[in-house]
């Protein structure tokens, strides 16, 4: 930027105010950002859950929704990798819970339970987030690393990461059990 605008002052913002230290630590394992520092605000440990299949994923989502309701927090983002997967999961979750599916036509951020793709969640923040299908099949490439980083950093206070058989290797060295 400075090369194109001589005399411009470039400022790098390197402090994360959004998420707890626990969430920022996971984000740093997914995609290290040199010099990024989290405000010292601790919260719950990131939850990881092996779900096996769609029935297991939905059961884990139900548990996450129950925890979110008990917490009294305002927003819960349920985030899938693609628009297609977000729509399919929204159909299934909506059988038991009132929610909003974010689409390209959504013109307001409604709060409550929101199901979204990573693409549509970018730029939003949720009190809590649940990431769906974070395994090696869904998140394996460098492009997927960018998507996973965006997904992880949507959560402010609590984060649940669900995977089917094994967690994505993009989650870094300290893999969940």
Protein backbone atom coordinates (compact mmCIF):
# COMPACT_ATOMS: atom_id res chain seq x y z
CA UNK A 1 0.00 0.00 0.00
CA UNK A 2 2.73 2.44 0.97
CA UNK A 3 4.53 1.73 -2.32
CA UNK A 4 1.48 2.94 -4.28
CA UNK A 5 0.80 5.96 -2.08
CA UNK A 6 4.05 7.74 -1.21
CA UNK A 7 3.77 9.48 2.12
CA UNK A 8 0.84 7.30 3.24
CA UNK A 9 0.93 6.08 6.80
CA UNK A 10 0.29 2.34 7.07
CA UNK A 11 -0.94 0.97 10.37
CA UNK A 12 -1.20 -2.76 11.04
CA UNK A 13 -3.90 -3.63 13.54
CA UNK A 14 -2.51 -6.63 15.39
CA UNK A 15 -4.69 -6.94 18.49
CA UNK A 16 -7.72 -9.23 18.46
CA UNK A 17 -10.49 -7.85 20.62
CA UNK A 18 -13.26 -10.14 19.37
CA UNK A 19 -12.52 -13.61 20.65
CA UNK A 20 -11.31 -15.14 23.89
CA UNK A 21 -7.70 -16.27 24.17
CA UNK A 22 -8.79 -19.89 23.77
CA UNK A 23 -10.44 -19.17 20.42
CA UNK A 24 -7.53 -17.02 19.22
CA UNK A 25 -5.09 -19.82 20.13
CA UNK A 26 -7.02 -22.26 17.92
CA UNK A 27 -7.16 -19.69 15.10
CA UNK A 28 -3.38 -19.30 15.36
CA UNK A 29 -2.94 -23.06 14.96
CA UNK A 30 -5.11 -23.00 11.84
CA UNK A 31 -3.33 -19.99 10.34
CA UNK A 32 -0.45 -18.37 12.20
CA UNK A 33 -0.47 -14.58 11.89
CA UNK A 34 2.87 -13.09 12.90
CA UNK A 35 2.49 -10.48 15.60
CA UNK A 36 -1.22 -11.03 16.30
CA UNK A 37 -1.99 -10.68 19.99
CA UNK A 38 -5.25 -11.40 21.78
CA UNK A 39 -6.61 -9.16 24.47
CA UNK A 40 -6.22 -11.16 27.68
CA UNK A 41 -9.82 -12.26 28.01
CA UNK A 42 -10.23 -15.89 28.89
CA UNK A 43 -13.32 -18.00 28.44
CA UNK A 44 -14.40 -21.57 27.94
CA UNK A 45 -12.09 -24.08 26.35
CA UNK A 46 -12.91 -24.79 22.73
CA UNK A 47 -15.10 -27.91 22.58
CA UNK A 48 -14.32 -30.65 20.06
CA UNK A 49 -16.72 -33.50 19.38
CA UNK A 50 -16.45 -36.57 17.18
CA UNK A 51 -19.92 -37.16 15.78
CA UNK A 52 -19.55 -40.12 13.40
CA UNK A 53 -22.53 -39.37 11.16
CA UNK A 54 -25.31 -36.86 10.52
CA UNK A 55 -27.37 -38.16 13.44
CA UNK A 56 -24.37 -37.58 15.72
CA UNK A 57 -23.81 -34.09 14.29
CA UNK A 58 -27.44 -33.16 14.94
CA UNK A 59 -27.26 -34.51 18.51
CA UNK A 60 -24.11 -32.43 19.13
CA UNK A 61 -25.82 -29.36 17.65
CA UNK A 62 -28.78 -29.91 19.99
CA UNK A 63 -26.37 -30.03 22.96
CA UNK A 64 -24.65 -26.84 21.79
CA UNK A 65 -28.00 -25.07 21.41
CA UNK A 66 -29.01 -26.15 24.94
CA UNK A 67 -25.70 -24.77 26.34
CA UNK A 68 -26.18 -21.54 24.38
CA UNK A 69 -29.75 -21.08 25.67
CA UNK A 70 -28.59 -21.70 29.26
CA UNK A 71 -25.81 -19.13 28.85
CA UNK A 72 -28.23 -16.29 28.13
CA UNK A 73 -26.11 -15.13 25.21
CA UNK A 74 -27.85 -13.52 22.24
CA UNK A 75 -26.35 -15.10 19.13
CA UNK A 76 -25.38 -18.58 18.02
CA UNK A 77 -23.84 -19.13 14.60
CA UNK A 78 -23.94 -22.63 13.15
CA UNK A 79 -21.44 -22.59 10.31
CA UNK A 80 -21.02 -25.06 7.45
CA UNK A 81 -18.36 -24.96 4.77
CA UNK A 82 -20.67 -24.29 1.81
CA UNK A 83 -24.00 -22.62 1.08
CA UNK A 84 -25.38 -26.03 0.04
CA UNK A 85 -24.39 -27.71 3.32
CA UNK A 86 -25.69 -24.77 5.37
CA UNK A 87 -29.09 -25.05 3.66
CA UNK A 88 -29.27 -28.82 4.21
CA UNK A 89 -28.29 -28.54 7.88
CA UNK A 90 -30.74 -25.66 8.39
CA UNK A 91 -33.57 -27.89 7.13
CA UNK A 92 -32.63 -30.61 9.62
CA UNK A 93 -31.99 -28.34 12.61
CA UNK A 94 -35.19 -26.34 11.96
CA UNK A 95 -37.23 -29.46 12.76
CA UNK A 96 -36.50 -28.82 16.46
CA UNK A 97 -35.28 -25.21 16.70
CA UNK A 98 -36.31 -21.80 15.44
CA UNK A 99 -33.51 -20.43 13.28
CA UNK A 100 -32.63 -18.23 10.35
CA UNK A 101 -30.66 -19.44 7.34
CA UNK A 102 -28.40 -16.72 5.95
CA UNK A 103 -28.56 -16.53 2.16
CA UNK A 104 -27.50 -13.99 -0.43
CA UNK A 105 -31.00 -12.50 -0.10
CA UNK A 106 -30.82 -12.02 3.68
CA UNK A 107 -30.85 -8.27 4.28
CA UNK A 108 -30.54 -8.13 8.07
CA UNK A 109 -28.56 -9.99 10.70
CA UNK A 110 -31.37 -11.30 12.89
CA UNK A 111 -29.60 -12.65 15.98
CA UNK A 112 -30.75 -15.83 17.72
CA UNK A 113 -29.74 -19.06 16.00
CA UNK A 114 -28.29 -18.42 12.57
CA UNK A 115 -27.16 -21.12 10.15
CA UNK A 116 -24.66 -19.92 7.58
CA UNK A 117 -21.93 -20.90 5.20
CA UNK A 118 -18.43 -19.66 5.97
CA UNK A 119 -18.70 -17.32 2.97
CA UNK A 120 -21.78 -15.58 4.31
CA UNK A 121 -20.55 -15.54 7.92
CA UNK A 122 -17.40 -13.61 6.98
CA UNK A 123 -17.54 -10.22 8.65
CA UNK A 124 -20.11 -11.35 11.23
CA UNK A 125 -19.53 -12.26 14.84
CA UNK A 126 -21.50 -14.56 17.10
CA UNK A 127 -21.48 -14.91 20.88
CA UNK A 128 -21.06 -18.63 20.25
CA UNK A 129 -20.34 -20.63 17.12
CA UNK A 130 -20.64 -24.27 16.13
CA UNK A 131 -18.51 -25.39 13.19
CA UNK A 132 -19.88 -28.37 11.28
CA UNK A 133 -17.92 -31.22 9.68
CA UNK A 134 -14.41 -29.93 10.42
CA UNK A 135 -12.69 -33.05 9.19
CA UNK A 136 -10.11 -33.90 6.56
CA UNK A 137 -12.74 -34.42 3.87
CA UNK A 138 -14.15 -30.91 4.19
CA UNK A 139 -11.04 -28.99 5.24
CA UNK A 140 -7.89 -30.30 3.57
CA UNK A 141 -6.39 -27.70 1.18
CA UNK A 142 -4.74 -24.32 1.66
CA UNK A 143 -7.94 -22.66 0.39
CA UNK A 144 -9.81 -24.64 3.05
CA UNK A 145 -7.35 -23.32 5.65
CA UNK A 146 -8.52 -19.78 4.87
CA UNK A 147 -12.16 -20.81 5.20
CA UNK A 148 -11.50 -22.60 8.48
CA UNK A 149 -9.69 -19.55 9.87
CA UNK A 150 -12.67 -17.36 8.99
CA UNK A 151 -15.06 -19.86 10.58
CA UNK A 152 -13.06 -20.16 13.82
CA UNK A 153 -12.77 -16.40 14.20
CA UNK A 154 -16.55 -15.80 14.06
CA UNK A 155 -16.92 -16.87 17.72
CA UNK A 156 -16.49 -14.34 20.52
CA UNK A 157 -17.10 -16.30 23.73
CA UNK A 158 -17.53 -20.01 22.97
CA UNK A 159 -16.68 -22.33 20.10
CA UNK A 160 -17.67 -25.91 19.35
CA UNK A 161 -15.91 -27.81 16.56
CA UNK A 162 -17.69 -30.91 15.25
CA UNK A 163 -16.14 -33.54 13.01
CA UNK A 164 -17.28 -36.95 11.82
CA UNK A 165 -14.41 -39.42 12.14
CA UNK A 166 -11.23 -37.43 12.67
CA UNK A 167 -10.50 -33.72 12.94
CA UNK A 168 -9.03 -31.80 10.05
CA UNK A 169 -5.22 -31.73 10.07
CA UNK A 170 -5.59 -27.96 9.55
CA UNK A 171 -6.54 -27.66 13.24
CA UNK A 172 -2.83 -27.80 14.01
CA UNK A 173 -0.49 -29.69 16.29
CA UNK A 174 -2.63 -30.01 19.40
CA UNK A 175 -5.36 -32.08 17.84
CA UNK A 176 -8.47 -32.93 19.85
CA UNK A 177 -9.07 -36.48 20.96
